[in-house]
């Protein structure tokens, strides 16, 4: 039976030029390269200087649109996943749409689902395409997490980085089978009972400040391993895909121990797991599209490859998607 699929046809990413190494951090807070590397797998991360989220996200979106051989006027919706918007309101997506020259009237909005944000946004865009509401969608994840970390807290400041990634989705005809190209399945979840394990210390209606990231690392690790693997299994089951068919697992880039444990639980070999954490750090909603775009443009991930994307973040939120390029 024929159906509409959301094919990924364009990819873009942007990293701010400034690189902060572990050795650089050792001069700012009581830590060292070995401590960070052995516990997290992170060697360096990019951080903004004068850039804002709209600047790095706008560059990623523009690159993705050009990569798809389209123009901004071809886009029917822009969804940006971010917890670090330029302003509390209006949305950063509307700012990007205006600066890039999207058509007047095209919907553009932000969503906040922390590290799961890109999978959430992908789910929304895929549903809009399959319902026939739009033909071409841009989904982006972008963060300036360096603006919400406490640089005196070595347990959190060493983890995070800044960056942006974006993909262009285009409606295409499919056969309703697992051999189709495009988004084959998505699933998203949340559990607000875990709200306090990963959050910021402030907010507009509570403290009138943005606050800093606070995290219970042990609880996050415990829940992340289960949530990431369960969501990936659910998405593969919905897509009628066996794990042996997967070419690449692209998990949220939070901690190398989490990534390796999830790969083991899913039975996906280490050589099929994409890791960019070492030079990106944890970029929250940007981590999956950033890793996807970087590895596509490098030639590592190729057209026709079958991917599992899986993420978990504050809230707790989590989800996964199966995509054939």
C-alpha atoms as a PDB file:
ATOM      1  CA  UNK A   1       0.000   0.000   0.000  1.00  0.00           C
ATOM      2  CA  UNK A   2       1.456   3.346  -1.009  1.00  0.00           C
ATOM      3  CA  UNK A   3       2.036   6.036   1.590  1.00  0.00           C
ATOM      4  CA  UNK A   4       3.765   9.365   2.085  1.00  0.00           C
ATOM      5  CA  UNK A   5       7.252   9.218   3.582  1.00  0.00           C
ATOM      6  CA  UNK A   6       9.463  12.024   4.910  1.00  0.00           C
ATOM      7  CA  UNK A   7      12.794  11.684   3.128  1.00  0.00           C
ATOM      8  CA  UNK A   8      15.902  13.415   4.484  1.00  0.00           C
ATOM      9  CA  UNK A   9      17.353  15.277   1.529  1.00  0.00           C
ATOM     10  CA  UNK A  10      19.584  17.963   3.033  1.00  0.00           C
ATOM     11  CA  UNK A  11      21.936  18.221   6.002  1.00  0.00           C
ATOM     12  CA  UNK A  12      23.782  21.068   7.665  1.00  0.00           C
ATOM     13  CA  UNK A  13      25.665  21.840  10.839  1.00  0.00           C
ATOM     14  CA  UNK A  14      27.570  24.656  12.484  1.00  0.00           C
ATOM     15  CA  UNK A  15      30.129  24.723  15.266  1.00  0.00           C
ATOM     16  CA  UNK A  16      31.383  27.997  16.762  1.00  0.00           C
ATOM     17  CA  UNK A  17      35.084  28.532  16.006  1.00  0.00           C
ATOM     18  CA  UNK A  18      36.295  28.637  19.610  1.00  0.00           C
ATOM     19  CA  UNK A  19      37.441  25.238  20.926  1.00  0.00           C
ATOM     20  CA  UNK A  20      37.736  24.604  24.652  1.00  0.00           C
ATOM     21  CA  UNK A  21      39.971  21.624  25.455  1.00  0.00           C
ATOM     22  CA  UNK A  22      40.145  19.694  28.690  1.00  0.00           C
ATOM     23  CA  UNK A  23      43.499  21.321  29.376  1.00  0.00           C
ATOM     24  CA  UNK A  24      41.852  24.729  28.931  1.00  0.00           C
ATOM     25  CA  UNK A  25      39.222  23.744  31.482  1.00  0.00           C
ATOM     26  CA  UNK A  26      41.900  22.675  33.960  1.00  0.00           C
ATOM     27  CA  UNK A  27      42.943  26.344  34.107  1.00  0.00           C
ATOM     28  CA  UNK A  28      39.367  27.424  34.900  1.00  0.00           C
ATOM     29  CA  UNK A  29      38.200  24.829  37.426  1.00  0.00           C
ATOM     30  CA  UNK A  30      39.738  22.055  39.521  1.00  0.00           C
ATOM     31  CA  UNK A  31      39.900  19.246  36.957  1.00  0.00           C
ATOM     32  CA  UNK A  32      42.260  17.679  34.433  1.00  0.00           C
ATOM     33  CA  UNK A  33      42.205  15.970  31.070  1.00  0.00           C
ATOM     34  CA  UNK A  34      42.458  12.427  32.450  1.00  0.00           C
ATOM     35  CA  UNK A  35      39.581  12.956  34.905  1.00  0.00           C
ATOM     36  CA  UNK A  36      37.265  14.286  32.183  1.00  0.00           C
ATOM     37  CA  UNK A  37      38.338  11.863  29.469  1.00  0.00           C
ATOM     38  CA  UNK A  38      38.059   8.678  31.532  1.00  0.00           C
ATOM     39  CA  UNK A  39      34.667   9.578  33.009  1.00  0.00           C
ATOM     40  CA  UNK A  40      32.981  11.100  29.968  1.00  0.00           C
ATOM     41  CA  UNK A  41      34.983  10.407  26.787  1.00  0.00           C
ATOM     42  CA  UNK A  42      35.137  14.137  26.041  1.00  0.00           C
ATOM     43  CA  UNK A  43      38.397  15.698  24.833  1.00  0.00           C
ATOM     44  CA  UNK A  44      37.170  19.102  23.669  1.00  0.00           C
ATOM     45  CA  UNK A  45      34.036  21.088  22.910  1.00  0.00           C
ATOM     46  CA  UNK A  46      33.108  24.206  20.929  1.00  0.00           C
ATOM     47  CA  UNK A  47      31.754  27.265  22.742  1.00  0.00           C
ATOM     48  CA  UNK A  48      30.249  30.485  21.465  1.00  0.00           C
ATOM     49  CA  UNK A  49      31.858  33.863  22.035  1.00  0.00           C
ATOM     50  CA  UNK A  50      29.644  36.531  20.461  1.00  0.00           C
ATOM     51  CA  UNK A  51      27.324  34.118  18.618  1.00  0.00           C
ATOM     52  CA  UNK A  52      23.755  33.384  19.706  1.00  0.00           C
ATOM     53  CA  UNK A  53      21.642  30.309  19.099  1.00  0.00           C
ATOM     54  CA  UNK A  54      19.956  31.949  16.093  1.00  0.00           C
ATOM     55  CA  UNK A  55      23.350  32.596  14.491  1.00  0.00           C
ATOM     56  CA  UNK A  56      24.657  29.022  14.644  1.00  0.00           C
ATOM     57  CA  UNK A  57      21.228  27.494  13.974  1.00  0.00           C
ATOM     58  CA  UNK A  58      20.696  29.822  11.022  1.00  0.00           C
ATOM     59  CA  UNK A  59      23.980  28.707   9.454  1.00  0.00           C
ATOM     60  CA  UNK A  60      23.070  25.031   9.907  1.00  0.00           C
ATOM     61  CA  UNK A  61      19.602  25.586   8.435  1.00  0.00           C
ATOM     62  CA  UNK A  62      20.985  27.538   5.465  1.00  0.00           C
ATOM     63  CA  UNK A  63      23.538  24.799   4.759  1.00  0.00           C
ATOM     64  CA  UNK A  64      20.888  22.074   4.937  1.00  0.00           C
ATOM     65  CA  UNK A  65      18.597  23.945   2.543  1.00  0.00           C
ATOM     66  CA  UNK A  66      21.440  24.506   0.072  1.00  0.00           C
ATOM     67  CA  UNK A  67      22.491  20.860   0.429  1.00  0.00           C
ATOM     68  CA  UNK A  68      18.949  19.878  -0.611  1.00  0.00           C
ATOM     69  CA  UNK A  69      19.245  22.130  -3.712  1.00  0.00           C
ATOM     70  CA  UNK A  70      16.373  24.246  -2.423  1.00  0.00           C
ATOM     71  CA  UNK A  71      15.912  27.870  -1.389  1.00  0.00           C
ATOM     72  CA  UNK A  72      14.376  29.243   1.829  1.00  0.00           C
ATOM     73  CA  UNK A  73      11.218  30.037  -0.145  1.00  0.00           C
ATOM     74  CA  UNK A  74      10.701  26.296  -0.720  1.00  0.00           C
ATOM     75  CA  UNK A  75      10.342  25.570   3.012  1.00  0.00           C
ATOM     76  CA  UNK A  76       6.848  25.032   4.451  1.00  0.00           C
ATOM     77  CA  UNK A  77       7.713  24.772   8.155  1.00  0.00           C
ATOM     78  CA  UNK A  78      10.724  25.287  10.443  1.00  0.00           C
ATOM     79  CA  UNK A  79      10.891  23.518  13.795  1.00  0.00           C
ATOM     80  CA  UNK A  80      13.809  24.318  16.094  1.00  0.00           C
ATOM     81  CA  UNK A  81      14.586  22.224  19.163  1.00  0.00           C
ATOM     82  CA  UNK A  82      16.465  24.242  21.778  1.00  0.00           C
ATOM     83  CA  UNK A  83      16.572  25.038  25.484  1.00  0.00           C
ATOM     84  CA  UNK A  84      18.781  28.094  24.913  1.00  0.00           C
ATOM     85  CA  UNK A  85      16.704  30.497  22.758  1.00  0.00           C
ATOM     86  CA  UNK A  86      17.880  33.994  21.941  1.00  0.00           C
ATOM     87  CA  UNK A  87      14.924  35.448  23.837  1.00  0.00           C
ATOM     88  CA  UNK A  88      12.226  34.018  26.057  1.00  0.00           C
ATOM     89  CA  UNK A  89       9.853  35.176  23.323  1.00  0.00           C
ATOM     90  CA  UNK A  90       9.434  35.275  20.373  1.00  0.00           C
ATOM     91  CA  UNK A  91      10.738  31.936  19.179  1.00  0.00           C
ATOM     92  CA  UNK A  92      14.254  31.709  17.778  1.00  0.00           C
ATOM     93  CA  UNK A  93      12.807  29.829  14.789  1.00  0.00           C
ATOM     94  CA  UNK A  94      10.840  32.901  13.706  1.00  0.00           C
ATOM     95  CA  UNK A  95      14.013  34.993  13.874  1.00  0.00           C
ATOM     96  CA  UNK A  96      15.843  32.493  11.655  1.00  0.00           C
ATOM     97  CA  UNK A  97      12.932  32.313   9.206  1.00  0.00           C
ATOM     98  CA  UNK A  98      12.878  36.085   8.900  1.00  0.00           C
ATOM     99  CA  UNK A  99      16.625  36.439   8.446  1.00  0.00           C
ATOM    100  CA  UNK A 100      16.872  33.651   5.853  1.00  0.00           C
ATOM    101  CA  UNK A 101      13.908  34.889   3.820  1.00  0.00           C
ATOM    102  CA  UNK A 102      11.225  32.263   4.388  1.00  0.00           C
ATOM    103  CA  UNK A 103       7.825  33.053   2.870  1.00  0.00           C
ATOM    104  CA  UNK A 104       5.496  35.176   4.988  1.00  0.00           C
ATOM    105  CA  UNK A 105       2.992  32.914   6.699  1.00  0.00           C
ATOM    106  CA  UNK A 106       5.213  29.832   6.952  1.00  0.00           C
ATOM    107  CA  UNK A 107       4.985  28.410  10.503  1.00  0.00           C
ATOM    108  CA  UNK A 108       8.195  28.538  12.525  1.00  0.00           C
ATOM    109  CA  UNK A 109       8.400  27.572  16.168  1.00  0.00           C
ATOM    110  CA  UNK A 110      10.648  26.259  18.936  1.00  0.00           C
ATOM    111  CA  UNK A 111      10.119  23.179  21.067  1.00  0.00           C
ATOM    112  CA  UNK A 112      11.736  22.424  24.422  1.00  0.00           C
ATOM    113  CA  UNK A 113      12.433  18.765  25.135  1.00  0.00           C
ATOM    114  CA  UNK A 114      16.089  19.132  26.131  1.00  0.00           C
ATOM    115  CA  UNK A 115      18.363  16.431  24.693  1.00  0.00           C
ATOM    116  CA  UNK A 116      15.383  14.640  23.109  1.00  0.00           C
ATOM    117  CA  UNK A 117      14.356  17.816  21.310  1.00  0.00           C
ATOM    118  CA  UNK A 118      15.492  16.816  17.829  1.00  0.00           C
ATOM    119  CA  UNK A 119      13.634  13.491  17.946  1.00  0.00           C
ATOM    120  CA  UNK A 120      10.525  15.320  19.200  1.00  0.00           C
ATOM    121  CA  UNK A 121      10.821  17.895  16.394  1.00  0.00           C
ATOM    122  CA  UNK A 122      11.436  15.182  13.803  1.00  0.00           C
ATOM    123  CA  UNK A 123       8.278  13.405  14.957  1.00  0.00           C
ATOM    124  CA  UNK A 124       6.208  16.576  14.587  1.00  0.00           C
ATOM    125  CA  UNK A 125       7.584  17.358  11.128  1.00  0.00           C
ATOM    126  CA  UNK A 126       7.104  13.769   9.930  1.00  0.00           C
ATOM    127  CA  UNK A 127       3.494  13.804  11.101  1.00  0.00           C
ATOM    128  CA  UNK A 128       2.822  17.107   9.313  1.00  0.00           C
ATOM    129  CA  UNK A 129       4.279  15.728   6.089  1.00  0.00           C
ATOM    130  CA  UNK A 130       2.378  12.438   6.285  1.00  0.00           C
ATOM    131  CA  UNK A 131      -0.872  14.327   6.951  1.00  0.00           C
ATOM    132  CA  UNK A 132      -0.260  16.407   3.827  1.00  0.00           C
ATOM    133  CA  UNK A 133      -0.084  19.691   5.757  1.00  0.00           C
ATOM    134  CA  UNK A 134       3.390  20.502   4.420  1.00  0.00           C
ATOM    135  CA  UNK A 135       5.673  19.201   1.699  1.00  0.00           C
ATOM    136  CA  UNK A 136       9.061  20.471   2.829  1.00  0.00           C
ATOM    137  CA  UNK A 137      10.148  20.806   6.465  1.00  0.00           C
ATOM    138  CA  UNK A 138      13.354  21.890   8.144  1.00  0.00           C
ATOM    139  CA  UNK A 139      14.102  20.372  11.542  1.00  0.00           C
ATOM    140  CA  UNK A 140      16.983  21.769  13.562  1.00  0.00           C
ATOM    141  CA  UNK A 141      18.568  21.381  16.967  1.00  0.00           C
ATOM    142  CA  UNK A 142      20.798  24.126  18.333  1.00  0.00           C
ATOM    143  CA  UNK A 143      22.221  25.018  21.723  1.00  0.00           C
ATOM    144  CA  UNK A 144      24.461  27.535  23.449  1.00  0.00           C
ATOM    145  CA  UNK A 145      24.773  25.492  26.622  1.00  0.00           C
ATOM    146  CA  UNK A 146      27.902  27.388  27.647  1.00  0.00           C
ATOM    147  CA  UNK A 147      25.494  30.170  28.637  1.00  0.00           C
ATOM    148  CA  UNK A 148      23.671  28.036  31.223  1.00  0.00           C
ATOM    149  CA  UNK A 149      26.497  26.092  32.877  1.00  0.00           C
ATOM    150  CA  UNK A 150      28.215  27.084  36.096  1.00  0.00           C
ATOM    151  CA  UNK A 151      31.875  27.317  35.134  1.00  0.00           C
ATOM    152  CA  UNK A 152      32.873  26.767  38.777  1.00  0.00           C
ATOM    153  CA  UNK A 153      31.095  23.376  38.934  1.00  0.00           C
ATOM    154  CA  UNK A 154      33.445  20.756  37.545  1.00  0.00           C
ATOM    155  CA  UNK A 155      30.764  18.061  37.616  1.00  0.00           C
ATOM    156  CA  UNK A 156      28.677  19.821  34.955  1.00  0.00           C
ATOM    157  CA  UNK A 157      30.739  22.435  33.112  1.00  0.00           C
ATOM    158  CA  UNK A 158      33.063  19.816  31.609  1.00  0.00           C
ATOM    159  CA  UNK A 159      30.173  18.016  29.906  1.00  0.00           C
ATOM    160  CA  UNK A 160      28.573  20.546  27.615  1.00  0.00           C
ATOM    161  CA  UNK A 161      29.311  22.252  24.307  1.00  0.00           C
ATOM    162  CA  UNK A 162      27.640  24.506  21.746  1.00  0.00           C
ATOM    163  CA  UNK A 163      26.579  23.683  18.202  1.00  0.00           C
ATOM    164  CA  UNK A 164      23.758  23.244  15.718  1.00  0.00           C
ATOM    165  CA  UNK A 165      22.525  20.710  13.184  1.00  0.00           C
ATOM    166  CA  UNK A 166      19.658  20.675  10.710  1.00  0.00           C
ATOM    167  CA  UNK A 167      17.945  18.393   8.206  1.00  0.00           C
ATOM    168  CA  UNK A 168      15.520  19.018   5.359  1.00  0.00           C
ATOM    169  CA  UNK A 169      12.601  16.610   5.032  1.00  0.00           C
ATOM    170  CA  UNK A 170      10.672  16.300   1.762  1.00  0.00           C
ATOM    171  CA  UNK A 171       7.452  14.412   1.087  1.00  0.00           C
ATOM    172  CA  UNK A 172       7.968  11.377  -1.150  1.00  0.00           C
ATOM    173  CA  UNK A 173       5.961   8.368  -2.233  1.00  0.00           C
ATOM    174  CA  UNK A 174       6.638   5.141  -0.377  1.00  0.00           C
ATOM    175  CA  UNK A 175       5.318   1.605  -0.511  1.00  0.00           C
ATOM    176  CA  UNK A 176       4.565   1.362   3.189  1.00  0.00           C
ATOM    177  CA  UNK A 177       7.371  -1.177   3.630  1.00  0.00           C
ATOM    178  CA  UNK A 178      10.574  -1.258   5.654  1.00  0.00           C
ATOM    179  CA  UNK A 179      12.555  -0.947   2.407  1.00  0.00           C
ATOM    180  CA  UNK A 180      11.213   2.588   1.877  1.00  0.00           C
ATOM    181  CA  UNK A 181      13.495   5.607   2.154  1.00  0.00           C
ATOM    182  CA  UNK A 182      12.703   8.239   4.746  1.00  0.00           C
ATOM    183  CA  UNK A 183      11.423   8.230   8.305  1.00  0.00           C
ATOM    184  CA  UNK A 184      10.100   4.729   8.945  1.00  0.00           C
ATOM    185  CA  UNK A 185       9.033   5.191  12.572  1.00  0.00           C
ATOM    186  CA  UNK A 186       9.269   7.495  15.572  1.00  0.00           C
ATOM    187  CA  UNK A 187       8.362   7.269  19.241  1.00  0.00           C
ATOM    188  CA  UNK A 188       8.512   9.896  21.988  1.00  0.00           C
ATOM    189  CA  UNK A 189       7.915   9.675  25.745  1.00  0.00           C
ATOM    190  CA  UNK A 190       8.241  11.573  29.029  1.00  0.00           C
ATOM    191  CA  UNK A 191       8.136  11.025  32.780  1.00  0.00           C
ATOM    192  CA  UNK A 192       7.693  14.206  34.804  1.00  0.00           C
ATOM    193  CA  UNK A 193       8.301  12.329  38.050  1.00  0.00           C
ATOM    194  CA  UNK A 194      12.011  12.593  37.208  1.00  0.00           C
ATOM    195  CA  UNK A 195      11.807  16.386  36.734  1.00  0.00           C
ATOM    196  CA  UNK A 196      14.330  17.329  39.426  1.00  0.00           C
ATOM    197  CA  UNK A 197      17.124  14.965  38.409  1.00  0.00           C
ATOM    198  CA  UNK A 198      18.202  17.201  35.500  1.00  0.00           C
ATOM    199  CA  UNK A 199      17.105  20.821  35.344  1.00  0.00           C
ATOM    200  CA  UNK A 200      18.234  24.426  35.541  1.00  0.00           C
ATOM    201  CA  UNK A 201      18.202  26.322  38.819  1.00  0.00           C
ATOM    202  CA  UNK A 202      16.080  29.126  37.401  1.00  0.00           C
ATOM    203  CA  UNK A 203      13.287  30.090  35.054  1.00  0.00           C
ATOM    204  CA  UNK A 204      11.124  33.018  33.987  1.00  0.00           C
ATOM    205  CA  UNK A 205       8.173  32.333  36.300  1.00  0.00           C
ATOM    206  CA  UNK A 206      10.153  30.961  39.257  1.00  0.00           C
ATOM    207  CA  UNK A 207      13.316  33.029  39.728  1.00  0.00           C
ATOM    208  CA  UNK A 208      13.230  35.466  36.795  1.00  0.00           C
ATOM    209  CA  UNK A 209      16.676  34.146  35.831  1.00  0.00           C
ATOM    210  CA  UNK A 210      17.814  31.432  33.426  1.00  0.00           C
ATOM    211  CA  UNK A 211      19.769  29.593  36.138  1.00  0.00           C
ATOM    212  CA  UNK A 212      22.466  26.955  35.709  1.00  0.00           C
ATOM    213  CA  UNK A 213      22.288  23.268  34.808  1.00  0.00           C
ATOM    214  CA  UNK A 214      21.928  20.967  37.815  1.00  0.00           C
ATOM    215  CA  UNK A 215      22.186  17.190  37.478  1.00  0.00           C
ATOM    216  CA  UNK A 216      22.036  14.027  39.531  1.00  0.00           C
ATOM    217  CA  UNK A 217      24.529  12.085  37.450  1.00  0.00           C
ATOM    218  CA  UNK A 218      23.829   8.640  38.888  1.00  0.00           C
ATOM    219  CA  UNK A 219      20.079   8.878  38.301  1.00  0.00           C
ATOM    220  CA  UNK A 220      20.525  10.283  34.798  1.00  0.00           C
ATOM    221  CA  UNK A 221      22.921   7.487  33.871  1.00  0.00           C
ATOM    222  CA  UNK A 222      20.590   4.799  35.241  1.00  0.00           C
ATOM    223  CA  UNK A 223      17.532   6.090  33.406  1.00  0.00           C
ATOM    224  CA  UNK A 224      19.406   6.991  30.206  1.00  0.00           C
ATOM    225  CA  UNK A 225      20.677   3.483  29.516  1.00  0.00           C
ATOM    226  CA  UNK A 226      17.175   2.010  29.852  1.00  0.00           C
ATOM    227  CA  UNK A 227      15.334   4.795  28.033  1.00  0.00           C
ATOM    228  CA  UNK A 228      17.721   4.991  25.072  1.00  0.00           C
ATOM    229  CA  UNK A 229      17.708   1.245  24.450  1.00  0.00           C
ATOM    230  CA  UNK A 230      13.961   0.789  25.062  1.00  0.00           C
ATOM    231  CA  UNK A 231      13.070   3.623  22.681  1.00  0.00           C
ATOM    232  CA  UNK A 232      15.397   2.282  19.993  1.00  0.00           C
ATOM    233  CA  UNK A 233      13.851  -1.185  20.304  1.00  0.00           C
ATOM    234  CA  UNK A 234      10.347   0.272  20.107  1.00  0.00           C
ATOM    235  CA  UNK A 235      11.159   2.289  16.991  1.00  0.00           C
ATOM    236  CA  UNK A 236      12.746  -0.742  15.296  1.00  0.00           C
ATOM    237  CA  UNK A 237       9.731  -2.892  16.159  1.00  0.00           C
ATOM    238  CA  UNK A 238       7.339  -0.292  14.761  1.00  0.00           C
ATOM    239  CA  UNK A 239       9.391  -0.107  11.561  1.00  0.00           C
ATOM    240  CA  UNK A 240       9.596  -3.931  11.311  1.00  0.00           C
ATOM    241  CA  UNK A 241      13.383  -3.679  11.270  1.00  0.00           C
ATOM    242  CA  UNK A 242      15.729  -6.194  12.880  1.00  0.00           C
ATOM    243  CA  UNK A 243      18.807  -4.878  14.627  1.00  0.00           C
ATOM    244  CA  UNK A 244      21.015  -6.844  12.228  1.00  0.00           C
ATOM    245  CA  UNK A 245      19.808  -4.588   9.410  1.00  0.00           C
ATOM    246  CA  UNK A 246      20.885  -1.363  11.120  1.00  0.00           C
ATOM    247  CA  UNK A 247      23.876   0.356   9.515  1.00  0.00           C
ATOM    248  CA  UNK A 248      24.350   3.060  12.148  1.00  0.00           C
ATOM    249  CA  UNK A 249      23.193   3.814  15.675  1.00  0.00           C
ATOM    250  CA  UNK A 250      23.297   7.553  16.394  1.00  0.00           C
ATOM    251  CA  UNK A 251      22.581   8.022  20.100  1.00  0.00           C
ATOM    252  CA  UNK A 252      22.449  11.281  22.003  1.00  0.00           C
ATOM    253  CA  UNK A 253      26.036  12.229  22.796  1.00  0.00           C
ATOM    254  CA  UNK A 254      26.040  12.558  26.578  1.00  0.00           C
ATOM    255  CA  UNK A 255      28.629  10.174  27.966  1.00  0.00           C
ATOM    256  CA  UNK A 256      30.771   7.505  26.303  1.00  0.00           C
ATOM    257  CA  UNK A 257      29.851   4.979  28.992  1.00  0.00           C
ATOM    258  CA  UNK A 258      26.152   5.486  28.306  1.00  0.00           C
ATOM    259  CA  UNK A 259      26.726   5.197  24.559  1.00  0.00           C
ATOM    260  CA  UNK A 260      28.732   1.966  24.817  1.00  0.00           C
ATOM    261  CA  UNK A 261      26.275   0.395  27.275  1.00  0.00           C
ATOM    262  CA  UNK A 262      23.310   1.214  25.037  1.00  0.00           C
ATOM    263  CA  UNK A 263      25.096  -0.299  22.044  1.00  0.00           C
ATOM    264  CA  UNK A 264      25.723  -3.462  24.033  1.00  0.00           C
ATOM    265  CA  UNK A 265      22.113  -3.684  25.233  1.00  0.00           C
ATOM    266  CA  UNK A 266      20.867  -3.315  21.662  1.00  0.00           C
ATOM    267  CA  UNK A 267      23.380  -5.811  20.322  1.00  0.00           C
ATOM    268  CA  UNK A 268      24.757  -3.311  17.823  1.00  0.00           C
ATOM    269  CA  UNK A 269      28.530  -3.635  17.259  1.00  0.00           C
ATOM    270  CA  UNK A 270      30.755  -0.786  18.415  1.00  0.00           C
ATOM    271  CA  UNK A 271      31.876  -0.089  14.850  1.00  0.00           C
ATOM    272  CA  UNK A 272      28.269   0.749  13.926  1.00  0.00           C
ATOM    273  CA  UNK A 273      27.833   3.326  16.711  1.00  0.00           C
ATOM    274  CA  UNK A 274      28.448   6.968  15.777  1.00  0.00           C
ATOM    275  CA  UNK A 275      30.415   8.887  18.424  1.00  0.00           C
ATOM    276  CA  UNK A 276      31.165  12.608  18.159  1.00  0.00           C
ATOM    277  CA  UNK A 277      31.157  13.256  21.892  1.00  0.00           C
ATOM    278  CA  UNK A 278      34.945  13.384  22.003  1.00  0.00           C
ATOM    279  CA  UNK A 279      35.126  16.671  20.065  1.00  0.00           C
ATOM    280  CA  UNK A 280      31.586  18.067  20.537  1.00  0.00           C
ATOM    281  CA  UNK A 281      30.755  17.329  24.166  1.00  0.00           C
ATOM    282  CA  UNK A 282      27.064  17.142  25.034  1.00  0.00           C
ATOM    283  CA  UNK A 283      25.235  19.608  22.786  1.00  0.00           C
ATOM    284  CA  UNK A 284      21.733  18.584  23.938  1.00  0.00           C
ATOM    285  CA  UNK A 285      19.160  18.953  21.125  1.00  0.00           C
ATOM    286  CA  UNK A 286      21.938  19.582  18.603  1.00  0.00           C
ATOM    287  CA  UNK A 287      23.855  16.362  19.241  1.00  0.00           C
ATOM    288  CA  UNK A 288      22.006  13.996  16.880  1.00  0.00           C
ATOM    289  CA  UNK A 289      21.595  16.322  13.862  1.00  0.00           C
ATOM    290  CA  UNK A 290      25.146  17.571  14.363  1.00  0.00           C
ATOM    291  CA  UNK A 291      26.532  14.020  14.383  1.00  0.00           C
ATOM    292  CA  UNK A 292      24.307  13.080  11.435  1.00  0.00           C
ATOM    293  CA  UNK A 293      25.353  16.009   9.263  1.00  0.00           C
ATOM    294  CA  UNK A 294      29.047  15.758  10.118  1.00  0.00           C
ATOM    295  CA  UNK A 295      29.211  12.064   9.249  1.00  0.00           C
ATOM    296  CA  UNK A 296      27.153  12.428   6.065  1.00  0.00           C
ATOM    297  CA  UNK A 297      29.318  15.246   4.766  1.00  0.00           C
ATOM    298  CA  UNK A 298      32.461  13.257   5.634  1.00  0.00           C
ATOM    299  CA  UNK A 299      31.128  10.318   3.597  1.00  0.00           C
ATOM    300  CA  UNK A 300      30.961   7.888   6.505  1.00  0.00           C
ATOM    301  CA  UNK A 301      27.146   7.674   6.402  1.00  0.00           C
ATOM    302  CA  UNK A 302      25.828   7.117   2.872  1.00  0.00           C
ATOM    303  CA  UNK A 303      22.577   7.243   0.949  1.00  0.00           C
ATOM    304  CA  UNK A 304      20.571   4.086   1.545  1.00  0.00           C
ATOM    305  CA  UNK A 305      21.987   3.514   5.040  1.00  0.00           C
ATOM    306  CA  UNK A 306      19.537   2.511   7.764  1.00  0.00           C
ATOM    307  CA  UNK A 307      19.821   4.561  10.961  1.00  0.00           C
ATOM    308  CA  UNK A 308      18.479   4.415  14.495  1.00  0.00           C
ATOM    309  CA  UNK A 309      18.414   7.764  16.305  1.00  0.00           C
ATOM    310  CA  UNK A 310      17.783   7.646  20.057  1.00  0.00           C
ATOM    311  CA  UNK A 311      17.880  10.315  22.760  1.00  0.00           C
ATOM    312  CA  UNK A 312      17.029  11.074  26.374  1.00  0.00           C
ATOM    313  CA  UNK A 313      17.006  14.388  28.170  1.00  0.00           C
ATOM    314  CA  UNK A 314      15.681  16.473  31.028  1.00  0.00           C
ATOM    315  CA  UNK A 315      12.068  16.049  31.922  1.00  0.00           C
ATOM    316  CA  UNK A 316      12.747  13.155  31.627  1.00  0.00           C
ATOM    317  CA  UNK A 317      12.000  12.997  27.906  1.00  0.00           C
ATOM    318  CA  UNK A 318      13.140  10.288  25.517  1.00  0.00           C
ATOM    319  CA  UNK A 319      12.460   8.924  22.069  1.00  0.00           C
ATOM    320  CA  UNK A 320      13.832   7.318  18.934  1.00  0.00           C
ATOM    321  CA  UNK A 321      13.439   7.153  15.177  1.00  0.00           C
ATOM    322  CA  UNK A 322      14.317   4.742  12.398  1.00  0.00           C
ATOM    323  CA  UNK A 323      15.348   6.420   9.142  1.00  0.00           C
ATOM    324  CA  UNK A 324      16.578   5.125   5.807  1.00  0.00           C
ATOM    325  CA  UNK A 325      18.560   7.753   3.911  1.00  0.00           C
END
